[in-house]
């Protein structure tokens, strides 16, 4: 079974045992969190949410708090001596998916 979850205004297709990198979450390494914004459950009988699937959740463990590689932003206007160089590193949280849970009776 797989699920499509939303975290940090992005959607991720996850299976049990997968590792994903989402936008930074305020959680310590080693803690278990629950993602409740499940948009779709797939597999044998697919369940599509409107907009989310009631009674569905995904549990994950925080494995890392880190930063992506630096991205350089360089602006220049020709013949004017205008040059600006800036860098940016985005924070992320790495999650290991422990389980996908669905209780159809809790949906009603």
PDB file of N, CA and C in Angstrom:
ATOM      1  N   UNK A   1       0.850  -1.171   0.000  1.00  0.00           N
ATOM      2  CA  UNK A   1       0.000   0.000   0.000  1.00  0.00           C
ATOM      3  C   UNK A   1       0.894   1.233   0.000  1.00  0.00           C
ATOM      4  N   UNK A   2       0.470   2.266  -0.704  1.00  0.00           N
ATOM      5  CA  UNK A   2       1.191   3.529  -0.703  1.00  0.00           C
ATOM      6  C   UNK A   2       0.218   4.652  -0.373  1.00  0.00           C
ATOM      7  N   UNK A   3       0.781   5.824  -0.055  1.00  0.00           N
ATOM      8  CA  UNK A   3      -0.039   6.981   0.287  1.00  0.00           C
ATOM      9  C   UNK A   3       0.586   8.223  -0.327  1.00  0.00           C
ATOM     10  N   UNK A   4      -0.250   9.210  -0.593  1.00  0.00           N
ATOM     11  CA  UNK A   4       0.220  10.528  -1.007  1.00  0.00           C
ATOM     12  C   UNK A   4      -0.090  11.471   0.144  1.00  0.00           C
ATOM     13  N   UNK A   5       0.962  12.056   0.727  1.00  0.00           N
ATOM     14  CA  UNK A   5       0.798  12.942   1.875  1.00  0.00           C
ATOM     15  C   UNK A   5       1.262  14.339   1.505  1.00  0.00           C
ATOM     16  N   UNK A   6       0.717  15.330   2.238  1.00  0.00           N
ATOM     17  CA  UNK A   6       1.116  16.719   2.031  1.00  0.00           C
ATOM     18  C   UNK A   6       1.860  17.193   3.267  1.00  0.00           C
ATOM     19  N   UNK A   7       3.028  17.797   3.033  1.00  0.00           N
ATOM     20  CA  UNK A   7       3.818  18.364   4.117  1.00  0.00           C
ATOM     21  C   UNK A   7       4.580  19.554   3.562  1.00  0.00           C
ATOM     22  N   UNK A   8       4.458  20.695   4.212  1.00  0.00           N
ATOM     23  CA  UNK A   8       5.178  21.880   3.754  1.00  0.00           C
ATOM     24  C   UNK A   8       4.750  22.334   2.378  1.00  0.00           C
ATOM     25  N   UNK A   9       3.468  22.212   2.067  1.00  0.00           N
ATOM     26  CA  UNK A   9       2.888  22.608   0.782  1.00  0.00           C
ATOM     27  C   UNK A   9       3.475  21.823  -0.398  1.00  0.00           C
ATOM     28  N   UNK A  10       3.972  20.619  -0.133  1.00  0.00           N
ATOM     29  CA  UNK A  10       4.443  19.711  -1.169  1.00  0.00           C
ATOM     30  C   UNK A  10       3.772  18.361  -0.965  1.00  0.00           C
ATOM     31  N   UNK A  11       3.661  17.590  -2.047  1.00  0.00           N
ATOM     32  CA  UNK A  11       3.053  16.269  -1.972  1.00  0.00           C
ATOM     33  C   UNK A  11       4.121  15.205  -2.205  1.00  0.00           C
ATOM     34  N   UNK A  12       4.038  14.116  -1.426  1.00  0.00           N
ATOM     35  CA  UNK A  12       5.007  13.037  -1.508  1.00  0.00           C
ATOM     36  C   UNK A  12       4.270  11.705  -1.604  1.00  0.00           C
ATOM     37  N   UNK A  13       4.733  10.841  -2.515  1.00  0.00           N
ATOM     38  CA  UNK A  13       4.201   9.479  -2.606  1.00  0.00           C
ATOM     39  C   UNK A  13       5.125   8.603  -1.777  1.00  0.00           C
ATOM     40  N   UNK A  14       4.565   7.956  -0.749  1.00  0.00           N
ATOM     41  CA  UNK A  14       5.394   7.208   0.191  1.00  0.00           C
ATOM     42  C   UNK A  14       4.905   5.772   0.327  1.00  0.00           C
ATOM     43  N   UNK A  15       5.853   4.885   0.550  1.00  0.00           N
ATOM     44  CA  UNK A  15       5.608   3.497   0.921  1.00  0.00           C
ATOM     45  C   UNK A  15       6.217   3.289   2.295  1.00  0.00           C
ATOM     46  N   UNK A  16       5.854   2.206   2.942  1.00  0.00           N
ATOM     47  CA  UNK A  16       6.443   1.886   4.233  1.00  0.00           C
ATOM     48  C   UNK A  16       7.932   1.592   4.040  1.00  0.00           C
ATOM     49  N   UNK A  17       8.773   2.227   4.855  1.00  0.00           N
ATOM     50  CA  UNK A  17      10.218   2.048   4.764  1.00  0.00           C
ATOM     51  C   UNK A  17      10.930   3.113   3.949  1.00  0.00           C
ATOM     52  N   UNK A  18      10.190   3.979   3.247  1.00  0.00           N
ATOM     53  CA  UNK A  18      10.806   5.045   2.451  1.00  0.00           C
ATOM     54  C   UNK A  18      11.386   6.133   3.344  1.00  0.00           C
ATOM     55  N   UNK A  19      12.343   6.882   2.801  1.00  0.00           N
ATOM     56  CA  UNK A  19      12.891   8.060   3.464  1.00  0.00           C
ATOM     57  C   UNK A  19      12.640   9.254   2.559  1.00  0.00           C
ATOM     58  N   UNK A  20      12.053  10.322   3.118  1.00  0.00           N
ATOM     59  CA  UNK A  20      11.768  11.525   2.341  1.00  0.00           C
ATOM     60  C   UNK A  20      12.359  12.728   3.059  1.00  0.00           C
ATOM     61  N   UNK A  21      12.630  13.791   2.294  1.00  0.00           N
ATOM     62  CA  UNK A  21      13.115  15.049   2.852  1.00  0.00           C
ATOM     63  C   UNK A  21      12.020  16.090   2.660  1.00  0.00           C
ATOM     64  N   UNK A  22      11.495  16.600   3.773  1.00  0.00           N
ATOM     65  CA  UNK A  22      10.425  17.590   3.737  1.00  0.00           C
ATOM     66  C   UNK A  22      10.965  18.908   4.271  1.00  0.00           C
ATOM     67  N   UNK A  23      10.179  19.977   4.118  1.00  0.00           N
ATOM     68  CA  UNK A  23      10.562  21.267   4.677  1.00  0.00           C
ATOM     69  C   UNK A  23      10.710  21.126   6.188  1.00  0.00           C
ATOM     70  N   UNK A  24      11.538  21.962   6.780  1.00  0.00           N
ATOM     71  CA  UNK A  24      11.902  21.827   8.190  1.00  0.00           C
ATOM     72  C   UNK A  24      10.679  21.750   9.098  1.00  0.00           C
ATOM     73  N   UNK A  25      10.673  20.720   9.953  1.00  0.00           N
ATOM     74  CA  UNK A  25       9.649  20.545  10.980  1.00  0.00           C
ATOM     75  C   UNK A  25      10.309  20.705  12.340  1.00  0.00           C
ATOM     76  N   UNK A  26       9.591  21.269  13.294  1.00  0.00           N
ATOM     77  CA  UNK A  26      10.120  21.442  14.648  1.00  0.00           C
ATOM     78  C   UNK A  26       9.962  20.136  15.412  1.00  0.00           C
ATOM     79  N   UNK A  27      10.929  19.243  15.270  1.00  0.00           N
ATOM     80  CA  UNK A  27      10.913  17.956  15.964  1.00  0.00           C
ATOM     81  C   UNK A  27      12.350  17.502  16.166  1.00  0.00           C
ATOM     82  N   UNK A  28      12.589  16.832  17.272  1.00  0.00           N
ATOM     83  CA  UNK A  28      13.923  16.326  17.580  1.00  0.00           C
ATOM     84  C   UNK A  28      14.192  15.038  16.796  1.00  0.00           C
ATOM     85  N   UNK A  29      15.461  14.765  16.550  1.00  0.00           N
ATOM     86  CA  UNK A  29      15.856  13.529  15.868  1.00  0.00           C
ATOM     87  C   UNK A  29      15.501  12.340  16.761  1.00  0.00           C
ATOM     88  N   UNK A  30      14.860  11.337  16.179  1.00  0.00           N
ATOM     89  CA  UNK A  30      14.468  10.151  16.919  1.00  0.00           C
ATOM     90  C   UNK A  30      13.015  10.148  17.363  1.00  0.00           C
ATOM     91  N   UNK A  31      12.329  11.287  17.288  1.00  0.00           N
ATOM     92  CA  UNK A  31      10.925  11.326  17.691  1.00  0.00           C
ATOM     93  C   UNK A  31      10.045  10.825  16.550  1.00  0.00           C
ATOM     94  N   UNK A  32       8.871  10.327  16.910  1.00  0.00           N
ATOM     95  CA  UNK A  32       7.922   9.833  15.921  1.00  0.00           C
ATOM     96  C   UNK A  32       6.828  10.870  15.740  1.00  0.00           C
ATOM     97  N   UNK A  33       6.511  11.185  14.498  1.00  0.00           N
ATOM     98  CA  UNK A  33       5.463  12.155  14.207  1.00  0.00           C
ATOM     99  C   UNK A  33       4.391  11.476  13.359  1.00  0.00           C
ATOM    100  N   UNK A  34       3.217  12.099  13.319  1.00  0.00           N
ATOM    101  CA  UNK A  34       2.100  11.578  12.539  1.00  0.00           C
ATOM    102  C   UNK A  34       1.708  12.609  11.494  1.00  0.00           C
ATOM    103  N   UNK A  35       1.669  12.194  10.252  1.00  0.00           N
ATOM    104  CA  UNK A  35       1.211  13.047   9.157  1.00  0.00           C
ATOM    105  C   UNK A  35      -0.254  12.708   8.899  1.00  0.00           C
ATOM    106  N   UNK A  36      -1.139  13.674   9.131  1.00  0.00           N
ATOM    107  CA  UNK A  36      -2.575  13.417   9.001  1.00  0.00           C
ATOM    108  C   UNK A  36      -3.148  13.911   7.679  1.00  0.00           C
ATOM    109  N   UNK A  37      -2.396  14.702   6.925  1.00  0.00           N
ATOM    110  CA  UNK A  37      -2.887  15.190   5.638  1.00  0.00           C
ATOM    111  C   UNK A  37      -2.593  14.155   4.551  1.00  0.00           C
ATOM    112  N   UNK A  38      -3.391  13.095   4.533  1.00  0.00           N
ATOM    113  CA  UNK A  38      -3.249  12.027   3.541  1.00  0.00           C
ATOM    114  C   UNK A  38      -4.241  12.318   2.417  1.00  0.00           C
ATOM    115  N   UNK A  39      -3.731  12.526   1.210  1.00  0.00           N
ATOM    116  CA  UNK A  39      -4.577  12.900   0.081  1.00  0.00           C
ATOM    117  C   UNK A  39      -5.105  11.690  -0.681  1.00  0.00           C
ATOM    118  N   UNK A  40      -4.357  10.570  -0.628  1.00  0.00           N
ATOM    119  CA  UNK A  40      -4.743   9.396  -1.398  1.00  0.00           C
ATOM    120  C   UNK A  40      -4.104   8.162  -0.783  1.00  0.00           C
ATOM    121  N   UNK A  41      -4.852   7.077  -0.773  1.00  0.00           N
ATOM    122  CA  UNK A  41      -4.317   5.769  -0.393  1.00  0.00           C
ATOM    123  C   UNK A  41      -4.434   4.874  -1.614  1.00  0.00           C
ATOM    124  N   UNK A  42      -3.340   4.234  -1.995  1.00  0.00           N
ATOM    125  CA  UNK A  42      -3.351   3.400  -3.186  1.00  0.00           C
ATOM    126  C   UNK A  42      -2.967   1.977  -2.860  1.00  0.00           C
ATOM    127  N   UNK A  43      -3.133   1.141  -3.825  1.00  0.00           N
ATOM    128  CA  UNK A  43      -2.832  -0.275  -3.650  1.00  0.00           C
ATOM    129  C   UNK A  43      -3.967  -1.075  -4.254  1.00  0.00           C
ATOM    130  N   UNK A  44      -4.505  -2.033  -3.496  1.00  0.00           N
ATOM    131  CA  UNK A  44      -5.615  -2.852  -3.979  1.00  0.00           C
ATOM    132  C   UNK A  44      -6.857  -2.027  -4.248  1.00  0.00           C
ATOM    133  N   UNK A  45      -7.399  -1.407  -3.222  1.00  0.00           N
ATOM    134  CA  UNK A  45      -8.569  -0.544  -3.362  1.00  0.00           C
ATOM    135  C   UNK A  45      -8.136   0.879  -3.063  1.00  0.00           C
ATOM    136  N   UNK A  46      -8.066   1.712  -4.081  1.00  0.00           N
ATOM    137  CA  UNK A  46      -7.617   3.093  -3.909  1.00  0.00           C
ATOM    138  C   UNK A  46      -8.706   3.922  -3.244  1.00  0.00           C
ATOM    139  N   UNK A  47      -8.295   4.795  -2.327  1.00  0.00           N
ATOM    140  CA  UNK A  47      -9.211   5.712  -1.651  1.00  0.00           C
ATOM    141  C   UNK A  47      -8.699   7.119  -1.916  1.00  0.00           C
ATOM    142  N   UNK A  48      -9.531   7.945  -2.547  1.00  0.00           N
ATOM    143  CA  UNK A  48      -9.152   9.310  -2.879  1.00  0.00           C
ATOM    144  C   UNK A  48      -9.868  10.245  -1.928  1.00  0.00           C
ATOM    145  N   UNK A  49      -9.131  11.173  -1.340  1.00  0.00           N
ATOM    146  CA  UNK A  49      -9.712  12.115  -0.398  1.00  0.00           C
ATOM    147  C   UNK A  49     -10.303  13.317  -1.099  1.00  0.00           C
ATOM    148  N   UNK A  50     -11.178  14.014  -0.367  1.00  0.00           N
ATOM    149  CA  UNK A  50     -11.788  15.222  -0.899  1.00  0.00           C
ATOM    150  C   UNK A  50     -11.807  16.300   0.173  1.00  0.00           C
ATOM    151  N   UNK A  51     -10.757  16.998   0.489  1.00  0.00           N
ATOM    152  CA  UNK A  51      -9.406  16.904  -0.065  1.00  0.00           C
ATOM    153  C   UNK A  51      -8.517  15.875   0.644  1.00  0.00           C
ATOM    154  N   UNK A  52      -8.868  15.460   1.876  1.00  0.00           N
ATOM    155  CA  UNK A  52      -8.042  14.467   2.566  1.00  0.00           C
ATOM    156  C   UNK A  52      -8.872  13.232   2.879  1.00  0.00           C
ATOM    157  N   UNK A  53      -8.190  12.126   3.135  1.00  0.00           N
ATOM    158  CA  UNK A  53      -8.856  10.867   3.476  1.00  0.00           C
ATOM    159  C   UNK A  53      -9.085  10.851   4.982  1.00  0.00           C
ATOM    160  N   UNK A  54     -10.345  10.784   5.401  1.00  0.00           N
ATOM    161  CA  UNK A  54     -10.660  10.728   6.827  1.00  0.00           C
ATOM    162  C   UNK A  54     -10.284   9.365   7.378  1.00  0.00           C
ATOM    163  N   UNK A  55      -9.702   9.349   8.558  1.00  0.00           N
ATOM    164  CA  UNK A  55      -9.322   8.098   9.197  1.00  0.00           C
ATOM    165  C   UNK A  55      -7.985   7.548   8.735  1.00  0.00           C
ATOM    166  N   UNK A  56      -7.256   8.299   7.915  1.00  0.00           N
ATOM    167  CA  UNK A  56      -5.955   7.834   7.426  1.00  0.00           C
ATOM    168  C   UNK A  56      -4.842   8.669   8.046  1.00  0.00           C
ATOM    169  N   UNK A  57      -3.727   8.019   8.325  1.00  0.00           N
ATOM    170  CA  UNK A  57      -2.557   8.720   8.854  1.00  0.00           C
ATOM    171  C   UNK A  57      -1.303   7.949   8.473  1.00  0.00           C
ATOM    172  N   UNK A  58      -0.191   8.653   8.500  1.00  0.00           N
ATOM    173  CA  UNK A  58       1.112   8.060   8.203  1.00  0.00           C
ATOM    174  C   UNK A  58       2.029   8.396   9.365  1.00  0.00           C
ATOM    175  N   UNK A  59       2.656   7.379   9.951  1.00  0.00           N
ATOM    176  CA  UNK A  59       3.605   7.617  11.037  1.00  0.00           C
ATOM    177  C   UNK A  59       5.013   7.563  10.472  1.00  0.00           C
ATOM    178  N   UNK A  60       5.851   8.471  10.978  1.00  0.00           N
ATOM    179  CA  UNK A  60       7.226   8.564  10.494  1.00  0.00           C
ATOM    180  C   UNK A  60       8.141   8.931  11.643  1.00  0.00           C
ATOM    181  N   UNK A  61       9.403   8.567  11.495  1.00  0.00           N
ATOM    182  CA  UNK A  61      10.417   8.886  12.501  1.00  0.00           C
ATOM    183  C   UNK A  61      11.379   9.909  11.913  1.00  0.00           C
ATOM    184  N   UNK A  62      11.713  10.932  12.706  1.00  0.00           N
ATOM    185  CA  UNK A  62      12.660  11.955  12.273  1.00  0.00           C
ATOM    186  C   UNK A  62      14.064  11.360  12.357  1.00  0.00           C
ATOM    187  N   UNK A  63      14.747  11.277  11.214  1.00  0.00           N
ATOM    188  CA  UNK A  63      16.085  10.684  11.193  1.00  0.00           C
ATOM    189  C   UNK A  63      17.185  11.724  11.078  1.00  0.00           C
ATOM    190  N   UNK A  64      16.865  12.922  10.582  1.00  0.00           N
ATOM    191  CA  UNK A  64      17.909  13.925  10.388  1.00  0.00           C
ATOM    192  C   UNK A  64      17.292  15.310  10.284  1.00  0.00           C
ATOM    193  N   UNK A  65      17.991  16.299  10.836  1.00  0.00           N
ATOM    194  CA  UNK A  65      17.684  17.712  10.622  1.00  0.00           C
ATOM    195  C   UNK A  65      18.906  18.281   9.917  1.00  0.00           C
ATOM    196  N   UNK A  66      18.756  18.755   8.696  1.00  0.00           N
ATOM    197  CA  UNK A  66      19.928  19.195   7.955  1.00  0.00           C
ATOM    198  C   UNK A  66      19.639  20.363   7.045  1.00  0.00           C
ATOM    199  N   UNK A  67      20.618  20.643   6.182  1.00  0.00           N
ATOM    200  CA  UNK A  67      20.496  21.728   5.219  1.00  0.00           C
ATOM    201  C   UNK A  67      20.926  21.217   3.847  1.00  0.00           C
ATOM    202  N   UNK A  68      20.206  21.655   2.822  1.00  0.00           N
ATOM    203  CA  UNK A  68      20.542  21.295   1.453  1.00  0.00           C
ATOM    204  C   UNK A  68      21.819  22.022   1.025  1.00  0.00           C
ATOM    205  N   UNK A  69      22.438  21.607  -0.084  1.00  0.00           N
ATOM    206  CA  UNK A  69      23.628  22.318  -0.576  1.00  0.00           C
ATOM    207  C   UNK A  69      23.310  23.771  -0.936  1.00  0.00           C
ATOM    208  N   UNK A  70      24.344  24.592  -0.910  1.00  0.00           N
ATOM    209  CA  UNK A  70      24.168  26.020  -1.167  1.00  0.00           C
ATOM    210  C   UNK A  70      23.827  26.274  -2.634  1.00  0.00           C
ATOM    211  N   UNK A  71      22.881  27.190  -2.835  1.00  0.00           N
ATOM    212  CA  UNK A  71      22.506  27.656  -4.166  1.00  0.00           C
ATOM    213  C   UNK A  71      23.003  29.089  -4.282  1.00  0.00           C
ATOM    214  N   UNK A  72      23.720  29.407  -5.353  1.00  0.00           N
ATOM    215  CA  UNK A  72      24.236  30.758  -5.550  1.00  0.00           C
ATOM    216  C   UNK A  72      23.301  31.553  -6.445  1.00  0.00           C
ATOM    217  N   UNK A  73      23.042  32.800  -6.039  1.00  0.00           N
ATOM    218  CA  UNK A  73      22.227  33.723  -6.817  1.00  0.00           C
ATOM    219  C   UNK A  73      23.149  34.858  -7.230  1.00  0.00           C
ATOM    220  N   UNK A  74      23.321  35.062  -8.528  1.00  0.00           N
ATOM    221  CA  UNK A  74      24.221  36.098  -9.025  1.00  0.00           C
ATOM    222  C   UNK A  74      23.437  37.020  -9.937  1.00  0.00           C
ATOM    223  N   UNK A  75      23.424  38.320  -9.594  1.00  0.00           N
ATOM    224  CA  UNK A  75      22.751  39.326 -10.417  1.00  0.00           C
ATOM    225  C   UNK A  75      23.806  40.257 -10.997  1.00  0.00           C
ATOM    226  N   UNK A  76      23.603  40.655 -12.254  1.00  0.00           N
ATOM    227  CA  UNK A  76      24.570  41.536 -12.889  1.00  0.00           C
ATOM    228  C   UNK A  76      23.877  42.371 -13.954  1.00  0.00           C
ATOM    229  N   UNK A  77      24.267  43.638 -14.034  1.00  0.00           N
ATOM    230  CA  UNK A  77      23.806  44.498 -15.123  1.00  0.00           C
ATOM    231  C   UNK A  77      25.031  44.878 -15.952  1.00  0.00           C
ATOM    232  N   UNK A  78      24.957  44.598 -17.204  1.00  0.00           N
ATOM    233  CA  UNK A  78      26.135  44.794 -18.049  1.00  0.00           C
ATOM    234  C   UNK A  78      26.518  46.272 -18.160  1.00  0.00           C
ATOM    235  N   UNK A  79      27.794  46.495 -18.233  1.00  0.00           N
ATOM    236  CA  UNK A  79      28.410  47.814 -18.431  1.00  0.00           C
ATOM    237  C   UNK A  79      28.144  48.793 -17.306  1.00  0.00           C
ATOM    238  N   UNK A  80      27.587  48.402 -16.197  1.00  0.00           N
ATOM    239  CA  UNK A  80      27.250  49.337 -15.119  1.00  0.00           C
ATOM    240  C   UNK A  80      28.019  49.066 -13.832  1.00  0.00           C
ATOM    241  N   UNK A  81      28.746  47.972 -13.761  1.00  0.00           N
ATOM    242  CA  UNK A  81      29.488  47.647 -12.546  1.00  0.00           C
ATOM    243  C   UNK A  81      28.604  47.121 -11.426  1.00  0.00           C
ATOM    244  N   UNK A  82      27.385  46.727 -11.754  1.00  0.00           N
ATOM    245  CA  UNK A  82      26.436  46.228 -10.749  1.00  0.00           C
ATOM    246  C   UNK A  82      26.541  44.713 -10.691  1.00  0.00           C
ATOM    247  N   UNK A  83      27.030  44.198  -9.566  1.00  0.00           N
ATOM    248  CA  UNK A  83      27.130  42.753  -9.352  1.00  0.00           C
ATOM    249  C   UNK A  83      26.725  42.439  -7.929  1.00  0.00           C
ATOM    250  N   UNK A  84      25.860  41.451  -7.773  1.00  0.00           N
ATOM    251  CA  UNK A  84      25.426  41.010  -6.446  1.00  0.00           C
ATOM    252  C   UNK A  84      25.499  39.490  -6.407  1.00  0.00           C
ATOM    253  N   UNK A  85      26.143  38.956  -5.390  1.00  0.00           N
ATOM    254  CA  UNK A  85      26.265  37.510  -5.237  1.00  0.00           C
ATOM    255  C   UNK A  85      25.725  37.142  -3.865  1.00  0.00           C
ATOM    256  N   UNK A  86      24.816  36.198  -3.847  1.00  0.00           N
ATOM    257  CA  UNK A  86      24.187  35.752  -2.609  1.00  0.00           C
ATOM    258  C   UNK A  86      24.056  34.251  -2.609  1.00  0.00           C
ATOM    259  N   UNK A  87      24.048  33.668  -1.444  1.00  0.00           N
ATOM    260  CA  UNK A  87      23.862  32.231  -1.322  1.00  0.00           C
ATOM    261  C   UNK A  87      22.660  31.913  -0.446  1.00  0.00           C
ATOM    262  N   UNK A  88      22.115  30.713  -0.617  1.00  0.00           N
ATOM    263  CA  UNK A  88      20.963  30.283   0.181  1.00  0.00           C
ATOM    264  C   UNK A  88      21.060  28.785   0.426  1.00  0.00           C
ATOM    265  N   UNK A  89      20.790  28.376   1.672  1.00  0.00           N
ATOM    266  CA  UNK A  89      20.712  26.952   2.024  1.00  0.00           C
ATOM    267  C   UNK A  89      19.367  26.707   2.690  1.00  0.00           C
ATOM    268  N   UNK A  90      18.594  25.788   2.134  1.00  0.00           N
ATOM    269  CA  UNK A  90      17.266  25.476   2.652  1.00  0.00           C
ATOM    270  C   UNK A  90      17.366  24.392   3.719  1.00  0.00           C
ATOM    271  N   UNK A  91      16.670  24.588   4.845  1.00  0.00           N
ATOM    272  CA  UNK A  91      16.630  23.581   5.903  1.00  0.00           C
ATOM    273  C   UNK A  91      15.660  22.463   5.518  1.00  0.00           C
ATOM    274  N   UNK A  92      15.949  21.239   5.978  1.00  0.00           N
ATOM    275  CA  UNK A  92      15.053  20.117   5.712  1.00  0.00           C
ATOM    276  C   UNK A  92      15.018  19.186   6.914  1.00  0.00           C
ATOM    277  N   UNK A  93      13.994  18.346   6.936  1.00  0.00           N
ATOM    278  CA  UNK A  93      13.853  17.280   7.918  1.00  0.00           C
ATOM    279  C   UNK A  93      13.707  15.973   7.148  1.00  0.00           C
ATOM    280  N   UNK A  94      14.541  14.992   7.464  1.00  0.00           N
ATOM    281  CA  UNK A  94      14.459  13.681   6.816  1.00  0.00           C
ATOM    282  C   UNK A  94      13.563  12.780   7.663  1.00  0.00           C
ATOM    283  N   UNK A  95      12.583  12.146   7.012  1.00  0.00           N
ATOM    284  CA  UNK A  95      11.623  11.280   7.694  1.00  0.00           C
ATOM    285  C   UNK A  95      11.710   9.868   7.134  1.00  0.00           C
ATOM    286  N   UNK A  96      11.684   8.883   8.015  1.00  0.00           N
ATOM    287  CA  UNK A  96      11.602   7.472   7.613  1.00  0.00           C
ATOM    288  C   UNK A  96      10.182   7.013   7.898  1.00  0.00           C
ATOM    289  N   UNK A  97       9.476   6.565   6.877  1.00  0.00           N
ATOM    290  CA  UNK A  97       8.073   6.177   7.003  1.00  0.00           C
ATOM    291  C   UNK A  97       7.997   4.821   7.706  1.00  0.00           C
ATOM    292  N   UNK A  98       7.307   4.803   8.862  1.00  0.00           N
ATOM    293  CA  UNK A  98       7.169   3.567   9.640  1.00  0.00           C
ATOM    294  C   UNK A  98       5.896   2.806   9.309  1.00  0.00           C
ATOM    295  N   UNK A  99       4.814   3.520   9.003  1.00  0.00           N
ATOM    296  CA  UNK A  99       3.564   2.817   8.740  1.00  0.00           C
ATOM    297  C   UNK A  99       2.511   3.712   8.123  1.00  0.00           C
ATOM    298  N   UNK A 100       1.603   3.076   7.383  1.00  0.00           N
ATOM    299  CA  UNK A 100       0.454   3.753   6.790  1.00  0.00           C
ATOM    300  C   UNK A 100      -0.780   3.120   7.411  1.00  0.00           C
ATOM    301  N   UNK A 101      -1.606   3.947   8.051  1.00  0.00           N
ATOM    302  CA  UNK A 101      -2.758   3.437   8.795  1.00  0.00           C
ATOM    303  C   UNK A 101      -4.049   3.997   8.197  1.00  0.00           C
ATOM    304  N   UNK A 102      -5.053   3.134   8.096  1.00  0.00           N
ATOM    305  CA  UNK A 102      -6.355   3.555   7.599  1.00  0.00           C
ATOM    306  C   UNK A 102      -7.437   2.814   8.360  1.00  0.00           C
ATOM    307  N   UNK A 103      -8.340   3.586   8.946  1.00  0.00           N
ATOM    308  CA  UNK A 103      -9.473   3.037   9.680  1.00  0.00           C
ATOM    309  C   UNK A 103     -10.739   3.565   9.012  1.00  0.00           C
ATOM    310  N   UNK A 104     -11.378   2.786   8.124  1.00  0.00           N
ATOM    311  CA  UNK A 104     -12.537   3.297   7.397  1.00  0.00           C
ATOM    312  C   UNK A 104     -13.731   3.593   8.292  1.00  0.00           C
ATOM    313  N   UNK A 105     -13.826   2.956   9.455  1.00  0.00           N
ATOM    314  CA  UNK A 105     -14.957   3.242  10.345  1.00  0.00           C
ATOM    315  C   UNK A 105     -14.804   4.603  10.999  1.00  0.00           C
ATOM    316  N   UNK A 106     -13.575   5.092  11.158  1.00  0.00           N
ATOM    317  CA  UNK A 106     -13.355   6.415  11.739  1.00  0.00           C
ATOM    318  C   UNK A 106     -13.670   7.512  10.737  1.00  0.00           C
ATOM    319  N   UNK A 107     -13.817   7.149   9.463  1.00  0.00           N
ATOM    320  CA  UNK A 107     -14.095   8.136   8.423  1.00  0.00           C
ATOM    321  C   UNK A 107     -15.504   8.697   8.548  1.00  0.00           C
ATOM    322  N   UNK A 108     -16.429   7.944   9.107  1.00  0.00           N
ATOM    323  CA  UNK A 108     -17.825   8.405   9.199  1.00  0.00           C
ATOM    324  C   UNK A 108     -18.129   9.041  10.512  1.00  0.00           C
TER     325      UNK A 108
END
